[in-house]
Amino acid sequence: MKEVSIKTEYIALGQMLKLADCASSGGHAKILLEEGVVQVNGEVEQRRGRKLYPGDKVQVRDCGSFVIASQEA
């Protein structure tokens, strides 16, 4: 499981998909979500704006598993 470190309180799912190199653009992230290949904490998620907090786990088919981690300042 790969870590995605954030400096803020949360990150939007669409942004996280781009940061993790699972999506090349916001439009690509939207397509992945519409296809139902993204899971957050074990449940299919289709909202690009879903807020992810440290400890949340994201799985993306054909891309991998990720955990959100807080990057201490």
PDB file of N, CA and C in Angstrom:
ATOM      1  N   MET A   1       0.844  -1.178   0.000  1.00  0.00           N
ATOM      2  CA  MET A   1       0.000   0.000   0.000  1.00  0.00           C
ATOM      3  C   MET A   1       0.889   1.241   0.000  1.00  0.00           C
ATOM      4  N   LYS A   2       0.630   2.134  -0.940  1.00  0.00           N
ATOM      5  CA  LYS A   2       1.430   3.348  -1.064  1.00  0.00           C
ATOM      6  C   LYS A   2       0.812   4.457  -0.235  1.00  0.00           C
ATOM      7  N   GLU A   3       1.665   5.349   0.269  1.00  0.00           N
ATOM      8  CA  GLU A   3       1.200   6.494   1.047  1.00  0.00           C
ATOM      9  C   GLU A   3       1.063   7.716   0.162  1.00  0.00           C
ATOM     10  N   VAL A   4      -0.021   8.456   0.358  1.00  0.00           N
ATOM     11  CA  VAL A   4      -0.194   9.754  -0.288  1.00  0.00           C
ATOM     12  C   VAL A   4      -0.201  10.772   0.847  1.00  0.00           C
ATOM     13  N   SER A   5       0.863  11.576   0.924  1.00  0.00           N
ATOM     14  CA  SER A   5       0.999  12.542   2.014  1.00  0.00           C
ATOM     15  C   SER A   5       0.337  13.860   1.653  1.00  0.00           C
ATOM     16  N   ILE A   6      -0.394  14.413   2.619  1.00  0.00           N
ATOM     17  CA  ILE A   6      -1.047  15.707   2.406  1.00  0.00           C
ATOM     18  C   ILE A   6      -0.612  16.671   3.505  1.00  0.00           C
ATOM     19  N   LYS A   7      -0.549  17.959   3.157  1.00  0.00           N
ATOM     20  CA  LYS A   7      -0.159  18.993   4.118  1.00  0.00           C
ATOM     21  C   LYS A   7      -1.387  19.673   4.714  1.00  0.00           C
ATOM     22  N   THR A   8      -2.543  19.463   4.101  1.00  0.00           N
ATOM     23  CA  THR A   8      -3.774  20.100   4.542  1.00  0.00           C
ATOM     24  C   THR A   8      -4.598  19.117   5.378  1.00  0.00           C
ATOM     25  N   GLU A   9      -5.739  19.576   5.879  1.00  0.00           N
ATOM     26  CA  GLU A   9      -6.596  18.729   6.708  1.00  0.00           C
ATOM     27  C   GLU A   9      -7.163  17.564   5.906  1.00  0.00           C
ATOM     28  N   TYR A  10      -7.489  17.816   4.637  1.00  0.00           N
ATOM     29  CA  TYR A  10      -8.055  16.778   3.774  1.00  0.00           C
ATOM     30  C   TYR A  10      -7.664  17.047   2.326  1.00  0.00           C
ATOM     31  N   ILE A  11      -7.948  16.074   1.460  1.00  0.00           N
ATOM     32  CA  ILE A  11      -7.728  16.223   0.022  1.00  0.00           C
ATOM     33  C   ILE A  11      -8.960  15.656  -0.682  1.00  0.00           C
ATOM     34  N   ALA A  12      -9.356  16.295  -1.769  1.00  0.00           N
ATOM     35  CA  ALA A  12     -10.487  15.795  -2.549  1.00  0.00           C
ATOM     36  C   ALA A  12     -10.050  14.536  -3.291  1.00  0.00           C
ATOM     37  N   LEU A  13     -10.974  13.603  -3.452  1.00  0.00           N
ATOM     38  CA  LEU A  13     -10.666  12.333  -4.106  1.00  0.00           C
ATOM     39  C   LEU A  13     -10.108  12.547  -5.507  1.00  0.00           C
ATOM     40  N   GLY A  14     -10.699  13.455  -6.270  1.00  0.00           N
ATOM     41  CA  GLY A  14     -10.207  13.734  -7.631  1.00  0.00           C
ATOM     42  C   GLY A  14      -8.759  14.191  -7.627  1.00  0.00           C
ATOM     43  N   GLN A  15      -8.403  15.053  -6.677  1.00  0.00           N
ATOM     44  CA  GLN A  15      -7.020  15.527  -6.566  1.00  0.00           C
ATOM     45  C   GLN A  15      -6.089  14.388  -6.180  1.00  0.00           C
ATOM     46  N   MET A  16      -6.551  13.544  -5.267  1.00  0.00           N
ATOM     47  CA  MET A  16      -5.736  12.417  -4.821  1.00  0.00           C
ATOM     48  C   MET A  16      -5.439  11.462  -5.975  1.00  0.00           C
ATOM     49  N   LEU A  17      -6.437  11.227  -6.828  1.00  0.00           N
ATOM     50  CA  LEU A  17      -6.241  10.334  -7.973  1.00  0.00           C
ATOM     51  C   LEU A  17      -5.167  10.874  -8.911  1.00  0.00           C
ATOM     52  N   LYS A  18      -5.131  12.184  -9.085  1.00  0.00           N
ATOM     53  CA  LYS A  18      -4.097  12.797  -9.929  1.00  0.00           C
ATOM     54  C   LYS A  18      -2.740  12.737  -9.236  1.00  0.00           C
ATOM     55  N   LEU A  19      -2.711  13.027  -7.949  1.00  0.00           N
ATOM     56  CA  LEU A  19      -1.465  13.008  -7.178  1.00  0.00           C
ATOM     57  C   LEU A  19      -0.840  11.614  -7.165  1.00  0.00           C
ATOM     58  N   ALA A  20      -1.684  10.594  -7.134  1.00  0.00           N
ATOM     59  CA  ALA A  20      -1.209   9.204  -7.092  1.00  0.00           C
ATOM     60  C   ALA A  20      -0.917   8.648  -8.490  1.00  0.00           C
ATOM     61  N   ASP A  21      -1.040   9.494  -9.510  1.00  0.00           N
ATOM     62  CA  ASP A  21      -0.805   9.097 -10.911  1.00  0.00           C
ATOM     63  C   ASP A  21      -1.764   8.022 -11.400  1.00  0.00           C
ATOM     64  N   CYS A  22      -2.970   7.986 -10.836  1.00  0.00           N
ATOM     65  CA  CYS A  22      -4.004   7.068 -11.322  1.00  0.00           C
ATOM     66  C   CYS A  22      -4.831   7.746 -12.408  1.00  0.00           C
ATOM     67  N   ALA A  23      -4.883   9.071 -12.373  1.00  0.00           N
ATOM     68  CA  ALA A  23      -5.641   9.847 -13.359  1.00  0.00           C
ATOM     69  C   ALA A  23      -4.733  10.939 -13.902  1.00  0.00           C
ATOM     70  N   SER A  24      -4.813  11.157 -15.204  1.00  0.00           N
ATOM     71  CA  SER A  24      -3.967  12.169 -15.830  1.00  0.00           C
ATOM     72  C   SER A  24      -4.577  13.564 -15.765  1.00  0.00           C
ATOM     73  N   SER A  25      -5.890  13.636 -15.502  1.00  0.00           N
ATOM     74  CA  SER A  25      -6.580  14.930 -15.439  1.00  0.00           C
ATOM     75  C   SER A  25      -7.846  14.781 -14.606  1.00  0.00           C
ATOM     76  N   GLY A  26      -8.492  15.905 -14.337  1.00  0.00           N
ATOM     77  CA  GLY A  26      -9.752  15.867 -13.618  1.00  0.00           C
ATOM     78  C   GLY A  26     -10.815  15.098 -14.381  1.00  0.00           C
ATOM     79  N   GLY A  27     -10.821  15.250 -15.702  1.00  0.00           N
ATOM     80  CA  GLY A  27     -11.769  14.518 -16.541  1.00  0.00           C
ATOM     81  C   GLY A  27     -11.538  13.020 -16.483  1.00  0.00           C
ATOM     82  N   HIS A  28     -10.270  12.628 -16.477  1.00  0.00           N
ATOM     83  CA  HIS A  28      -9.930  11.207 -16.379  1.00  0.00           C
ATOM     84  C   HIS A  28     -10.375  10.662 -15.022  1.00  0.00           C
ATOM     85  N   ALA A  29     -10.183  11.453 -13.959  1.00  0.00           N
ATOM     86  CA  ALA A  29     -10.622  11.035 -12.617  1.00  0.00           C
ATOM     87  C   ALA A  29     -12.132  10.829 -12.606  1.00  0.00           C
ATOM     88  N   LYS A  30     -12.861  11.727 -13.252  1.00  0.00           N
ATOM     89  CA  LYS A  30     -14.323  11.620 -13.310  1.00  0.00           C
ATOM     90  C   LYS A  30     -14.746  10.318 -13.987  1.00  0.00           C
ATOM     91  N   ILE A  31     -14.055   9.959 -15.065  1.00  0.00           N
ATOM     92  CA  ILE A  31     -14.370   8.722 -15.787  1.00  0.00           C
ATOM     93  C   ILE A  31     -14.108   7.506 -14.901  1.00  0.00           C
ATOM     94  N   LEU A  32     -12.970   7.494 -14.199  1.00  0.00           N
ATOM     95  CA  LEU A  32     -12.661   6.374 -13.298  1.00  0.00           C
ATOM     96  C   LEU A  32     -13.759   6.217 -12.252  1.00  0.00           C
ATOM     97  N   LEU A  33     -14.205   7.333 -11.698  1.00  0.00           N
ATOM     98  CA  LEU A  33     -15.239   7.290 -10.666  1.00  0.00           C
ATOM     99  C   LEU A  33     -16.569   6.808 -11.234  1.00  0.00           C
ATOM    100  N   GLU A  34     -16.919   7.269 -12.427  1.00  0.00           N
ATOM    101  CA  GLU A  34     -18.172   6.842 -13.064  1.00  0.00           C
ATOM    102  C   GLU A  34     -18.165   5.351 -13.381  1.00  0.00           C
ATOM    103  N   GLU A  35     -16.968   4.808 -13.681  1.00  0.00           N
ATOM    104  CA  GLU A  35     -16.855   3.380 -14.005  1.00  0.00           C
ATOM    105  C   GLU A  35     -16.924   2.501 -12.749  1.00  0.00           C
ATOM    106  N   GLY A  36     -16.875   3.120 -11.582  1.00  0.00           N
ATOM    107  CA  GLY A  36     -16.979   2.360 -10.337  1.00  0.00           C
ATOM    108  C   GLY A  36     -15.734   1.575  -9.966  1.00  0.00           C
ATOM    109  N   VAL A  37     -14.561   2.039 -10.412  1.00  0.00           N
ATOM    110  CA  VAL A  37     -13.322   1.298 -10.130  1.00  0.00           C
ATOM    111  C   VAL A  37     -12.567   1.860  -8.921  1.00  0.00           C
ATOM    112  N   VAL A  38     -13.162   2.858  -8.250  1.00  0.00           N
ATOM    113  CA  VAL A  38     -12.515   3.488  -7.100  1.00  0.00           C
ATOM    114  C   VAL A  38     -13.298   3.151  -5.829  1.00  0.00           C
ATOM    115  N   GLN A  39     -12.578   2.673  -4.817  1.00  0.00           N
ATOM    116  CA  GLN A  39     -13.188   2.379  -3.524  1.00  0.00           C
ATOM    117  C   GLN A  39     -12.498   3.204  -2.444  1.00  0.00           C
ATOM    118  N   VAL A  40     -13.303   3.745  -1.537  1.00  0.00           N
ATOM    119  CA  VAL A  40     -12.780   4.458  -0.372  1.00  0.00           C
ATOM    120  C   VAL A  40     -13.231   3.691   0.861  1.00  0.00           C
ATOM    121  N   ASN A  41     -12.265   3.265   1.645  1.00  0.00           N
ATOM    122  CA  ASN A  41     -12.543   2.479   2.855  1.00  0.00           C
ATOM    123  C   ASN A  41     -13.472   1.291   2.568  1.00  0.00           C
ATOM    124  N   GLY A  42     -13.236   0.636   1.429  1.00  0.00           N
ATOM    125  CA  GLY A  42     -13.963  -0.584   1.091  1.00  0.00           C
ATOM    126  C   GLY A  42     -15.291  -0.392   0.383  1.00  0.00           C
ATOM    127  N   GLU A  43     -15.700   0.853   0.131  1.00  0.00           N
ATOM    128  CA  GLU A  43     -16.973   1.103  -0.543  1.00  0.00           C
ATOM    129  C   GLU A  43     -16.747   1.885  -1.830  1.00  0.00           C
ATOM    130  N   VAL A  44     -17.483   1.511  -2.884  1.00  0.00           N
ATOM    131  CA  VAL A  44     -17.363   2.210  -4.167  1.00  0.00           C
ATOM    132  C   VAL A  44     -17.740   3.673  -3.969  1.00  0.00           C
ATOM    133  N   GLU A  45     -16.917   4.556  -4.504  1.00  0.00           N
ATOM    134  CA  GLU A  45     -17.149   5.995  -4.373  1.00  0.00           C
ATOM    135  C   GLU A  45     -17.173   6.630  -5.761  1.00  0.00           C
ATOM    136  N   GLN A  46     -18.148   7.502  -6.004  1.00  0.00           N
ATOM    137  CA  GLN A  46     -18.266   8.139  -7.315  1.00  0.00           C
ATOM    138  C   GLN A  46     -18.204   9.664  -7.246  1.00  0.00           C
ATOM    139  N   ARG A  47     -17.981  10.218  -6.069  1.00  0.00           N
ATOM    140  CA  ARG A  47     -17.928  11.682  -5.927  1.00  0.00           C
ATOM    141  C   ARG A  47     -16.481  12.162  -5.984  1.00  0.00           C
ATOM    142  N   ARG A  48     -16.190  12.992  -6.978  1.00  0.00           N
ATOM    143  CA  ARG A  48     -14.846  13.535  -7.122  1.00  0.00           C
ATOM    144  C   ARG A  48     -14.455  14.408  -5.938  1.00  0.00           C
ATOM    145  N   GLY A  49     -15.439  15.073  -5.345  1.00  0.00           N
ATOM    146  CA  GLY A  49     -15.171  15.989  -4.247  1.00  0.00           C
ATOM    147  C   GLY A  49     -15.138  15.345  -2.871  1.00  0.00           C
ATOM    148  N   ARG A  50     -15.285  14.025  -2.809  1.00  0.00           N
ATOM    149  CA  ARG A  50     -15.249  13.312  -1.514  1.00  0.00           C
ATOM    150  C   ARG A  50     -13.976  13.699  -0.771  1.00  0.00           C
ATOM    151  N   LYS A  51     -14.131  14.141   0.462  1.00  0.00           N
ATOM    152  CA  LYS A  51     -12.981  14.552   1.262  1.00  0.00           C
ATOM    153  C   LYS A  51     -12.311  13.324   1.866  1.00  0.00           C
ATOM    154  N   LEU A  52     -11.010  13.249   1.688  1.00  0.00           N
ATOM    155  CA  LEU A  52     -10.216  12.167   2.250  1.00  0.00           C
ATOM    156  C   LEU A  52      -9.343  12.722   3.365  1.00  0.00           C
ATOM    157  N   TYR A  53      -9.351  12.051   4.495  1.00  0.00           N
ATOM    158  CA  TYR A  53      -8.587  12.470   5.661  1.00  0.00           C
ATOM    159  C   TYR A  53      -7.505  11.443   5.954  1.00  0.00           C
ATOM    160  N   PRO A  54      -6.465  11.830   6.712  1.00  0.00           N
ATOM    161  CA  PRO A  54      -5.427  10.858   7.069  1.00  0.00           C
ATOM    162  C   PRO A  54      -6.041   9.592   7.663  1.00  0.00           C
ATOM    163  N   GLY A  55      -5.570   8.459   7.175  1.00  0.00           N
ATOM    164  CA  GLY A  55      -6.080   7.163   7.617  1.00  0.00           C
ATOM    165  C   GLY A  55      -7.045   6.533   6.628  1.00  0.00           C
ATOM    166  N   ASP A  56      -7.639   7.359   5.734  1.00  0.00           N
ATOM    167  CA  ASP A  56      -8.545   6.802   4.720  1.00  0.00           C
ATOM    168  C   ASP A  56      -7.752   5.947   3.739  1.00  0.00           C
ATOM    169  N   LYS A  57      -8.391   4.865   3.301  1.00  0.00           N
ATOM    170  CA  LYS A  57      -7.756   3.950   2.342  1.00  0.00           C
ATOM    171  C   LYS A  57      -8.507   4.007   1.025  1.00  0.00           C
ATOM    172  N   VAL A  58      -7.747   4.079  -0.063  1.00  0.00           N
ATOM    173  CA  VAL A  58      -8.325   4.174  -1.408  1.00  0.00           C
ATOM    174  C   VAL A  58      -7.757   3.048  -2.254  1.00  0.00           C
ATOM    175  N   GLN A  59      -8.643   2.344  -2.953  1.00  0.00           N
ATOM    176  CA  GLN A  59      -8.222   1.308  -3.897  1.00  0.00           C
ATOM    177  C   GLN A  59      -8.705   1.697  -5.278  1.00  0.00           C
ATOM    178  N   VAL A  60      -7.815   1.589  -6.250  1.00  0.00           N
ATOM    179  CA  VAL A  60      -8.156   1.913  -7.632  1.00  0.00           C
ATOM    180  C   VAL A  60      -7.755   0.717  -8.492  1.00  0.00           C
ATOM    181  N   ARG A  61      -8.745   0.133  -9.177  1.00  0.00           N
ATOM    182  CA  ARG A  61      -8.464  -1.028 -10.019  1.00  0.00           C
ATOM    183  C   ARG A  61      -7.396  -0.670 -11.047  1.00  0.00           C
ATOM    184  N   ASP A  62      -6.436  -1.531 -11.219  1.00  0.00           N
ATOM    185  CA  ASP A  62      -5.325  -1.388 -12.169  1.00  0.00           C
ATOM    186  C   ASP A  62      -4.366  -0.253 -11.825  1.00  0.00           C
ATOM    187  N   CYS A  63      -4.489   0.310 -10.611  1.00  0.00           N
ATOM    188  CA  CYS A  63      -3.550   1.368 -10.207  1.00  0.00           C
ATOM    189  C   CYS A  63      -2.918   1.063  -8.847  1.00  0.00           C
ATOM    190  N   GLY A  64      -3.704   0.537  -7.911  1.00  0.00           N
ATOM    191  CA  GLY A  64      -3.116   0.167  -6.635  1.00  0.00           C
ATOM    192  C   GLY A  64      -3.938   0.587  -5.441  1.00  0.00           C
ATOM    193  N   SER A  65      -3.331   0.390  -4.267  1.00  0.00           N
ATOM    194  CA  SER A  65      -3.954   0.732  -2.993  1.00  0.00           C
ATOM    195  C   SER A  65      -3.147   1.850  -2.348  1.00  0.00           C
ATOM    196  N   PHE A  66      -3.867   2.776  -1.730  1.00  0.00           N
ATOM    197  CA  PHE A  66      -3.226   3.957  -1.164  1.00  0.00           C
ATOM    198  C   PHE A  66      -3.824   4.245   0.197  1.00  0.00           C
ATOM    199  N   VAL A  67      -3.009   4.869   1.063  1.00  0.00           N
ATOM    200  CA  VAL A  67      -3.493   5.343   2.348  1.00  0.00           C
ATOM    201  C   VAL A  67      -3.115   6.820   2.440  1.00  0.00           C
ATOM    202  N   ILE A  68      -4.043   7.613   2.949  1.00  0.00           N
ATOM    203  CA  ILE A  68      -3.792   9.041   3.101  1.00  0.00           C
ATOM    204  C   ILE A  68      -3.019   9.250   4.395  1.00  0.00           C
ATOM    205  N   ALA A  69      -1.927  10.006   4.318  1.00  0.00           N
ATOM    206  CA  ALA A  69      -1.084  10.258   5.491  1.00  0.00           C
ATOM    207  C   ALA A  69      -0.874  11.752   5.654  1.00  0.00           C
ATOM    208  N   SER A  70      -0.828  12.184   6.894  1.00  0.00           N
ATOM    209  CA  SER A  70      -0.592  13.600   7.192  1.00  0.00           C
ATOM    210  C   SER A  70       0.908  13.870   7.142  1.00  0.00           C
ATOM    211  N   GLN A  71       1.262  14.907   6.432  1.00  0.00           N
ATOM    212  CA  GLN A  71       2.676  15.301   6.351  1.00  0.00           C
ATOM    213  C   GLN A  71       2.888  16.401   7.376  1.00  0.00           C
ATOM    214  N   GLU A  72       3.559  16.062   8.444  1.00  0.00           N
ATOM    215  CA  GLU A  72       3.774  17.031   9.526  1.00  0.00           C
ATOM    216  C   GLU A  72       4.641  18.180   9.055  1.00  0.00           C
ATOM    217  N   ALA A  73       4.277  19.381   9.478  1.00  0.00           N
ATOM    218  CA  ALA A  73       5.004  20.601   9.064  1.00  0.00           C
ATOM    219  C   ALA A  73       6.296  20.731   9.830  1.00  0.00           C
TER     220      ALA A  73
END
